Amino acid sequence: MTIEDAVRQRIIGLCKENDITINALATKAGMPRTTLKNIIYGTSRNTGIVTIKLVCDALGISINDFFDNELFKDLEPVKD
């Protein structure tokens, strides 16, 4: 699995766990809906750590909580 796929799946999973839509999460995180949708639909290939931190803050979790998930255990090497 790529890091992009893992981040996308983690955000989707957290939204389901918290019963929140992608649009509502974007609003709560104070970011444009298009930013989060681009991550979810795979058009954003480089999700910044600040964006992930905004998502974490909106969901009330830490960065550690975000990445402490099986999705991130066996990632493919990053290619240029």
Protein backbone atom coordinates (compact mmCIF):
# COMPACT_ATOMS: atom_id res chain seq x y z
CA MET A 1 0.00 0.00 0.00
CA THR A 2 1.21 3.50 -0.74
CA ILE A 3 1.36 6.23 1.89
CA GLU A 4 -1.27 8.15 -0.08
CA ASP A 5 -3.65 5.17 0.02
CA ALA A 6 -3.02 4.66 3.74
CA VAL A 7 -3.72 8.33 4.57
CA ARG A 8 -6.85 8.29 2.42
CA GLN A 9 -8.16 5.09 4.04
CA ARG A 10 -7.31 6.35 7.53
CA ILE A 11 -9.24 9.60 7.02
CA ILE A 12 -12.23 7.73 5.59
CA GLY A 13 -12.14 5.27 8.50
CA LEU A 14 -11.91 8.04 11.08
CA CYS A 15 -14.87 9.81 9.48
CA LYS A 16 -16.92 6.61 9.74
CA GLU A 17 -15.83 6.05 13.35
CA ASN A 18 -16.80 9.62 14.25
CA ASP A 19 -19.96 9.67 12.11
CA ILE A 20 -18.79 12.76 10.25
CA THR A 21 -18.78 13.48 6.53
CA ILE A 22 -15.70 14.55 4.60
CA ASN A 23 -17.30 17.97 4.05
CA ALA A 24 -18.09 18.37 7.75
CA LEU A 25 -14.55 17.33 8.68
CA ALA A 26 -13.08 19.88 6.28
CA THR A 27 -15.27 22.61 7.76
CA LYS A 28 -14.40 21.59 11.32
CA ALA A 29 -10.69 21.49 10.40
CA GLY A 30 -10.91 24.96 8.84
CA MET A 31 -9.72 23.87 5.42
CA PRO A 32 -11.30 24.08 1.99
CA ARG A 33 -13.49 21.08 1.21
CA THR A 34 -11.58 20.65 -2.02
CA THR A 35 -8.34 20.03 -0.11
CA LEU A 36 -9.78 17.06 1.76
CA LYS A 37 -11.68 15.78 -1.26
CA ASN A 38 -8.49 15.88 -3.34
CA ILE A 39 -6.84 13.66 -0.72
CA ILE A 40 -9.79 11.27 -0.63
CA TYR A 41 -10.14 11.04 -4.42
CA GLY A 42 -6.40 10.64 -4.94
CA THR A 43 -5.76 13.82 -6.90
CA SER A 44 -3.48 15.14 -4.16
CA ARG A 45 -0.26 13.13 -4.18
CA ASN A 46 1.50 14.98 -1.37
CA THR A 47 -0.59 15.46 1.74
CA GLY A 48 1.29 17.77 4.06
CA ILE A 49 1.74 17.09 7.74
CA VAL A 50 0.02 20.40 8.56
CA THR A 51 -3.09 19.17 6.74
CA ILE A 52 -2.99 15.89 8.66
CA LYS A 53 -2.56 17.84 11.92
CA LEU A 54 -5.65 19.93 11.09
CA VAL A 55 -7.62 16.73 10.52
CA CYS A 56 -6.34 15.29 13.81
CA ASP A 57 -7.23 18.45 15.72
CA ALA A 58 -10.73 18.45 14.24
CA LEU A 59 -11.21 14.82 15.30
CA GLY A 60 -9.64 15.32 18.73
CA ILE A 61 -6.79 12.86 18.16
CA SER A 62 -3.03 13.19 18.13
CA ILE A 63 -0.70 12.72 15.18
CA ASN A 64 0.50 9.58 16.95
CA ASP A 65 -3.09 8.28 17.08
CA PHE A 66 -3.48 8.97 13.37
CA PHE A 67 -0.40 6.99 12.34
CA ASP A 68 -0.71 4.27 15.00
CA ASN A 69 -2.75 2.05 12.70
CA GLU A 70 -2.14 -1.16 10.77
CA LEU A 71 -2.51 0.78 7.50
CA PHE A 72 0.94 2.28 8.05
CA LYS A 73 2.81 -0.93 8.98
CA ASP A 74 3.95 -2.18 5.55
CA LEU A 75 4.03 0.76 3.19
CA GLU A 76 5.60 0.60 -0.25
CA PRO A 77 8.79 2.59 -0.76
CA VAL A 78 8.14 6.15 -1.95
CA LYS A 79 9.03 6.72 -5.60
CA ASP A 80 10.09 10.06 -7.03
